[in-house]
Amino acid sequence: MSKEIVLTLLMAGAMSGFADVTVVERPDTARPNSFYAGNRAPLQPSPFIKMPVGTVKAGGWLRKQLELQAAGFHGRLTEISGFLRKDGNAWLSRAGEGKNGWEEVPYWLKGFGDCAYLLGNEE
């Protein structure tokens, strides 16, 4: 990571009120990640470890964007998209049959749930 990027991150953290900032050259990948499956031997450990949702708290501009997303297109997609309607939805059918595809629902639901969790939005 370049010194300019590290400096920018440190300044952003300082301006947002975070007192403690730890800069590491590389995250520890020697231990397994208990949240997500990683590479197993003989493969090299993954250079990046995915953090669980909620590890980083959104604030300021980013939080506002998530709120706009939740109140807008993303949060109202069940009203807008034919793919997410319950009637004829193959994903919600026990037989896996229907006029609408089944992949759209779980992809949308993952992002929808994560956004709600980050915002603390029970609705």
Protein backbone atom coordinates (compact mmCIF):
# COMPACT_ATOMS: atom_id res chain seq x y z
CA MET A 1 0.00 0.00 0.00
CA SER A 2 1.41 3.36 -0.94
CA LYS A 3 2.24 5.96 1.70
CA GLU A 4 -0.27 8.35 0.11
CA ILE A 5 -3.12 5.86 0.53
CA VAL A 6 -2.14 5.09 4.13
CA LEU A 7 -1.95 8.82 4.90
CA THR A 8 -5.37 9.39 3.32
CA LEU A 9 -6.87 6.55 5.36
CA LEU A 10 -5.30 7.87 8.56
CA MET A 11 -6.61 11.37 7.88
CA ALA A 12 -10.09 10.03 7.10
CA GLY A 13 -10.05 8.04 10.34
CA ALA A 14 -8.90 11.03 12.35
CA MET A 15 -11.55 13.30 10.83
CA SER A 16 -14.32 10.79 11.53
CA GLY A 17 -13.43 10.57 15.23
CA PHE A 18 -11.63 7.23 15.34
CA ALA A 19 -8.83 7.49 17.88
CA ASP A 20 -7.06 4.18 17.25
CA VAL A 21 -5.80 3.28 13.80
CA THR A 22 -3.60 0.26 13.19
CA VAL A 23 -1.73 -0.03 9.93
CA VAL A 24 -0.45 -3.46 8.99
CA GLU A 25 1.57 -4.46 5.98
CA ARG A 26 -0.59 -7.51 5.42
CA PRO A 27 -3.40 -9.15 7.44
CA ASP A 28 -2.62 -12.41 9.21
CA THR A 29 -3.66 -15.23 6.90
CA ALA A 30 -1.82 -18.04 8.68
CA ARG A 31 -4.83 -18.87 10.83
CA PRO A 32 -8.13 -20.02 9.37
CA ASN A 33 -10.92 -17.49 9.16
CA SER A 34 -13.83 -18.70 11.30
CA PHE A 35 -16.37 -16.64 9.35
CA TYR A 36 -15.60 -17.71 5.77
CA ALA A 37 -13.98 -20.70 4.13
CA GLY A 38 -10.52 -19.97 2.82
CA ASN A 39 -7.87 -21.82 0.91
CA ARG A 40 -6.82 -25.20 2.29
CA ALA A 41 -3.39 -26.81 1.99
CA PRO A 42 -1.57 -27.15 -0.34
CA LEU A 43 -2.89 -23.79 -1.58
CA GLN A 44 -1.40 -20.58 -0.22
CA PRO A 45 -3.52 -18.67 2.30
CA SER A 46 -5.76 -16.01 0.80
CA PRO A 47 -4.08 -12.59 0.75
CA PHE A 48 -7.36 -10.94 1.78
CA ILE A 49 -9.72 -11.99 4.52
CA LYS A 50 -13.36 -11.05 4.11
CA MET A 51 -14.65 -9.36 7.22
CA PRO A 52 -18.10 -10.18 8.59
CA VAL A 53 -20.90 -7.72 7.85
CA GLY A 54 -20.97 -5.06 10.55
CA THR A 55 -17.24 -5.12 11.29
CA VAL A 56 -16.94 -1.69 9.71
CA LYS A 57 -19.61 0.81 10.75
CA ALA A 58 -20.77 3.14 7.98
CA GLY A 59 -20.89 6.81 8.91
CA GLY A 60 -21.12 10.18 7.24
CA TRP A 61 -21.46 10.17 3.48
CA LEU A 62 -21.41 6.36 3.19
CA ARG A 63 -24.19 5.93 5.75
CA LYS A 64 -26.27 8.54 3.93
CA GLN A 65 -25.81 6.63 0.66
CA LEU A 66 -26.91 3.37 2.31
CA GLU A 67 -29.97 5.14 3.74
CA LEU A 68 -30.84 6.54 0.31
CA GLN A 69 -30.36 3.09 -1.23
CA ALA A 70 -32.61 1.46 1.39
CA ALA A 71 -35.33 4.10 0.95
CA GLY A 72 -35.03 4.09 -2.83
CA PHE A 73 -34.65 1.52 -5.59
CA HIS A 74 -32.96 -1.19 -3.51
CA GLY A 75 -35.40 -1.02 -0.63
CA ARG A 76 -38.48 -0.86 -2.87
CA LEU A 77 -37.42 -3.50 -5.38
CA THR A 78 -40.14 -5.92 -4.25
CA GLU A 79 -42.67 -3.33 -5.46
CA ILE A 80 -40.84 -2.64 -8.73
CA SER A 81 -39.33 -5.91 -9.96
CA GLY A 82 -41.29 -8.78 -11.44
CA PHE A 83 -38.42 -11.06 -10.47
CA LEU A 84 -39.16 -10.53 -6.77
CA ARG A 85 -42.91 -11.01 -6.87
CA LYS A 86 -44.10 -14.04 -4.92
CA ASP A 87 -46.60 -15.18 -7.56
CA GLY A 88 -44.86 -17.38 -10.12
CA ASN A 89 -41.45 -17.10 -8.45
CA ALA A 90 -39.43 -20.28 -9.04
CA TRP A 91 -37.18 -19.59 -6.04
CA LEU A 92 -40.13 -19.64 -3.66
CA SER A 93 -41.72 -22.71 -5.27
CA ARG A 94 -41.09 -26.08 -3.60
CA ALA A 95 -40.88 -27.65 -7.06
CA GLY A 96 -38.54 -24.93 -8.32
CA GLU A 97 -40.98 -24.03 -11.05
CA GLY A 98 -42.40 -20.69 -12.06
CA LYS A 99 -42.40 -18.03 -14.73
CA ASN A 100 -39.73 -15.93 -13.04
CA GLY A 101 -36.12 -17.03 -12.59
CA TRP A 102 -34.84 -18.12 -9.22
CA GLU A 103 -31.39 -16.47 -9.05
CA GLU A 104 -32.48 -12.86 -8.61
CA VAL A 105 -34.14 -13.34 -5.23
CA PRO A 106 -31.17 -14.69 -3.21
CA TYR A 107 -28.73 -12.16 -4.72
CA TRP A 108 -31.04 -9.26 -3.92
CA LEU A 109 -31.91 -10.66 -0.49
CA LYS A 110 -28.22 -10.94 0.49
CA GLY A 111 -27.58 -7.27 -0.28
CA PHE A 112 -30.93 -6.18 1.17
CA GLY A 113 -30.25 -8.01 4.45
CA ASP A 114 -26.68 -6.74 4.73
CA CYS A 115 -27.82 -3.15 4.10
CA ALA A 116 -30.52 -3.43 6.77
CA TYR A 117 -28.05 -4.92 9.24
CA LEU A 118 -25.52 -2.14 8.63
CA LEU A 119 -28.21 0.49 9.15
CA GLY A 120 -29.82 -1.27 12.13
CA ASN A 121 -33.08 -1.18 10.17
CA GLU A 122 -35.47 -3.85 11.44
CA GLU A 123 -38.05 -2.97 8.80
